[in-house]
């Protein structure tokens, strides 16, 4: 069974956890599932609420670093063509880092701040922007992690199906 909303359409999931460690455990499982090609996670953010009530937001993907690596590769390639690979790599890395810093892709930071109000001090929320999820293989991997689905971008019908799948897996 494919994800309730299959294909390459991106879906946003906001999950609530009792603490940061549990949310990190879920993120680790999602990362492992991604290496198994069972899900593609385009962006993730982990939010915790401190004792003073202020949110702490940690992006799981460093776009600046990814841009620098991609830029360095292309710069090296262009530099090799012009017989100066080190200069090409340096220019490419700088351009890649700059484009990564300037590109605000993925989960909107304002949305993360807004939804983070749904968690209490000590709790955590995990924001996942995913696509191409194979839910019948993912659900058994996450069924023992206690979390609550706060919000999704799925249709009402697909979200109900997801909640049913999660409930059935936990009951087993």
Protein backbone atom coordinates (compact mmCIF):
# COMPACT_ATOMS: atom_id res chain seq x y z
CA UNK A 1 0.00 0.00 0.00
CA UNK A 2 1.37 3.37 -1.00
CA UNK A 3 1.04 6.52 1.08
CA UNK A 4 -2.51 7.86 1.36
CA UNK A 5 -1.53 10.67 -0.99
CA UNK A 6 0.91 8.85 -3.28
CA UNK A 7 3.10 10.10 -6.08
CA UNK A 8 5.76 12.74 -5.75
CA UNK A 9 3.46 15.36 -4.17
CA UNK A 10 4.99 16.79 -1.03
CA UNK A 11 3.13 16.32 2.23
CA UNK A 12 3.65 18.20 5.46
CA UNK A 13 3.29 16.42 8.81
CA UNK A 14 3.46 18.05 12.24
CA UNK A 15 3.88 15.52 15.04
CA UNK A 16 3.81 16.20 18.78
CA UNK A 17 5.97 14.29 21.29
CA UNK A 18 6.24 14.18 25.07
CA UNK A 19 9.91 15.24 24.93
CA UNK A 20 12.80 16.09 22.63
CA UNK A 21 14.41 12.64 22.94
CA UNK A 22 11.28 10.93 21.58
CA UNK A 23 11.07 13.40 18.70
CA UNK A 24 14.76 12.83 17.93
CA UNK A 25 14.14 9.08 17.93
CA UNK A 26 11.41 9.56 15.31
CA UNK A 27 13.73 11.75 13.22
CA UNK A 28 16.42 9.06 13.42
CA UNK A 29 13.93 6.42 12.23
CA UNK A 30 12.79 8.66 9.34
CA UNK A 31 16.44 9.20 8.38
CA UNK A 32 17.03 5.43 8.40
CA UNK A 33 13.87 4.84 6.31
CA UNK A 34 15.10 7.43 3.84
CA UNK A 35 18.35 5.51 3.33
CA UNK A 36 16.19 2.45 2.61
CA UNK A 37 14.32 4.49 -0.06
CA UNK A 38 11.00 4.08 1.79
CA UNK A 39 10.45 7.83 2.12
CA UNK A 40 11.94 11.05 0.81
CA UNK A 41 12.26 13.75 3.44
CA UNK A 42 12.84 17.12 1.80
CA UNK A 43 12.95 19.11 5.03
CA UNK A 44 12.57 18.60 8.76
CA UNK A 45 12.55 20.82 11.82
CA UNK A 46 12.52 19.87 15.49
CA UNK A 47 10.92 22.37 17.87
CA UNK A 48 11.04 22.23 21.66
CA UNK A 49 9.51 24.63 24.13
CA UNK A 50 11.85 25.73 26.90
CA UNK A 51 10.79 26.12 30.53
CA UNK A 52 10.55 29.90 29.98
CA UNK A 53 8.01 29.26 27.19
CA UNK A 54 10.26 30.26 24.31
CA UNK A 55 10.54 27.84 21.38
CA UNK A 56 13.89 26.40 20.28
CA UNK A 57 13.91 25.53 16.57
CA UNK A 58 16.49 23.21 15.04
CA UNK A 59 16.45 22.62 11.28
CA UNK A 60 17.40 19.04 10.52
CA UNK A 61 18.82 19.86 7.08
CA UNK A 62 21.55 22.43 6.59
CA UNK A 63 20.78 24.02 3.23
CA UNK A 64 23.91 26.17 3.35
CA UNK A 65 26.14 23.09 3.71
CA UNK A 66 24.30 21.22 0.97
CA UNK A 67 24.62 24.21 -1.36
CA UNK A 68 28.33 24.51 -0.66
CA UNK A 69 28.92 20.82 -1.40
CA UNK A 70 26.98 20.98 -4.67
CA UNK A 71 28.69 24.21 -5.63
CA UNK A 72 32.12 22.79 -4.83
CA UNK A 73 31.46 19.79 -7.07
CA UNK A 74 30.34 21.90 -10.03
CA UNK A 75 33.14 24.41 -9.41
CA UNK A 76 35.70 21.59 -9.40
CA UNK A 77 34.28 20.26 -12.65
CA UNK A 78 34.37 23.69 -14.33
CA UNK A 79 37.82 24.36 -12.84
CA UNK A 80 39.12 21.10 -14.33
CA UNK A 81 37.92 22.21 -17.74
CA UNK A 82 39.91 25.43 -17.39
CA UNK A 83 42.92 23.72 -15.73
CA UNK A 84 42.48 25.37 -12.32
CA UNK A 85 40.31 23.03 -10.22
CA UNK A 86 41.10 24.60 -6.81
CA UNK A 87 39.95 28.08 -7.85
CA UNK A 88 36.89 26.61 -9.53
CA UNK A 89 36.05 24.57 -6.43
CA UNK A 90 36.43 27.60 -4.13
CA UNK A 91 34.22 29.78 -6.34
CA UNK A 92 31.67 26.99 -6.69
CA UNK A 93 31.56 26.36 -2.93
CA UNK A 94 31.04 30.07 -2.24
CA UNK A 95 28.29 30.35 -4.83
CA UNK A 96 26.64 27.18 -3.55
CA UNK A 97 26.73 28.36 0.07
CA UNK A 98 25.29 31.72 -0.92
CA UNK A 99 22.47 30.15 -2.93
CA UNK A 100 21.72 27.76 -0.07
CA UNK A 101 21.57 30.65 2.38
CA UNK A 102 19.37 32.75 0.11
CA UNK A 103 16.97 29.95 -0.80
CA UNK A 104 14.21 29.58 1.77
CA UNK A 105 12.83 26.30 0.58
CA UNK A 106 11.09 23.67 2.58
CA UNK A 107 9.00 24.35 5.67
CA UNK A 108 8.18 28.01 6.22
CA UNK A 109 9.87 29.36 9.36
CA UNK A 110 6.84 31.49 10.29
CA UNK A 111 4.59 28.43 10.07
CA UNK A 112 6.95 26.53 12.38
CA UNK A 113 6.84 29.36 14.94
CA UNK A 114 3.06 29.61 14.71
CA UNK A 115 2.38 25.88 15.15
CA UNK A 116 5.00 25.53 17.89
CA UNK A 117 2.49 27.28 20.17
CA UNK A 118 0.62 23.94 20.31
CA UNK A 119 3.32 22.40 22.51
CA UNK A 120 3.92 22.91 26.21
CA UNK A 121 7.29 23.39 27.94
CA UNK A 122 9.30 20.16 27.77
CA UNK A 123 7.31 18.83 24.81
CA UNK A 124 8.56 18.71 21.21
CA UNK A 125 7.14 18.92 17.71
CA UNK A 126 8.63 17.47 14.56
CA UNK A 127 7.84 19.07 11.21
CA UNK A 128 8.40 16.78 8.22
CA UNK A 129 8.09 17.65 4.54
CA UNK A 130 7.97 14.31 2.76
CA UNK A 131 7.08 12.61 -0.49
CA UNK A 132 7.02 9.12 -1.94
CA UNK A 133 6.32 7.40 1.39
CA UNK A 134 5.63 3.67 1.44
CA UNK A 135 3.33 3.75 4.46
CA UNK A 136 2.77 0.01 4.87
CA UNK A 137 6.53 -0.37 5.45
CA UNK A 138 6.92 2.83 7.50
CA UNK A 139 4.06 2.33 9.99
CA UNK A 140 5.55 -0.84 11.58
CA UNK A 141 8.84 1.04 12.12
CA UNK A 142 7.20 3.95 13.99
CA UNK A 143 4.32 2.21 15.78
CA UNK A 144 6.16 2.01 19.13
CA UNK A 145 7.02 5.71 19.18
CA UNK A 146 4.39 7.68 21.08
CA UNK A 147 3.29 10.78 19.18
CA UNK A 148 0.23 12.71 18.19
CA UNK A 149 -0.50 13.99 14.67
CA UNK A 150 -1.15 17.72 15.09
CA UNK A 151 -1.52 18.72 11.46
CA UNK A 152 -1.01 17.39 7.93
CA UNK A 153 -1.42 18.69 4.41
CA UNK A 154 -3.29 15.51 3.45
CA UNK A 155 -6.91 15.59 2.41
CA UNK A 156 -9.39 14.83 5.19
CA UNK A 157 -9.95 11.34 3.77
CA UNK A 158 -6.21 10.57 3.50
CA UNK A 159 -5.55 11.93 6.98
CA UNK A 160 -8.33 9.73 8.41
CA UNK A 161 -6.79 6.73 6.62
CA UNK A 162 -3.36 7.57 8.08
CA UNK A 163 -4.79 7.87 11.61
CA UNK A 164 -6.56 4.53 11.13
CA UNK A 165 -3.31 2.88 9.98
CA UNK A 166 -1.47 4.29 13.00
CA UNK A 167 -4.21 3.17 15.39
CA UNK A 168 -4.30 -0.34 13.94
CA UNK A 169 -0.51 -0.69 14.12
CA UNK A 170 -0.41 0.41 17.77
CA UNK A 171 -3.22 -1.96 18.73
CA UNK A 172 -1.28 -4.99 17.49
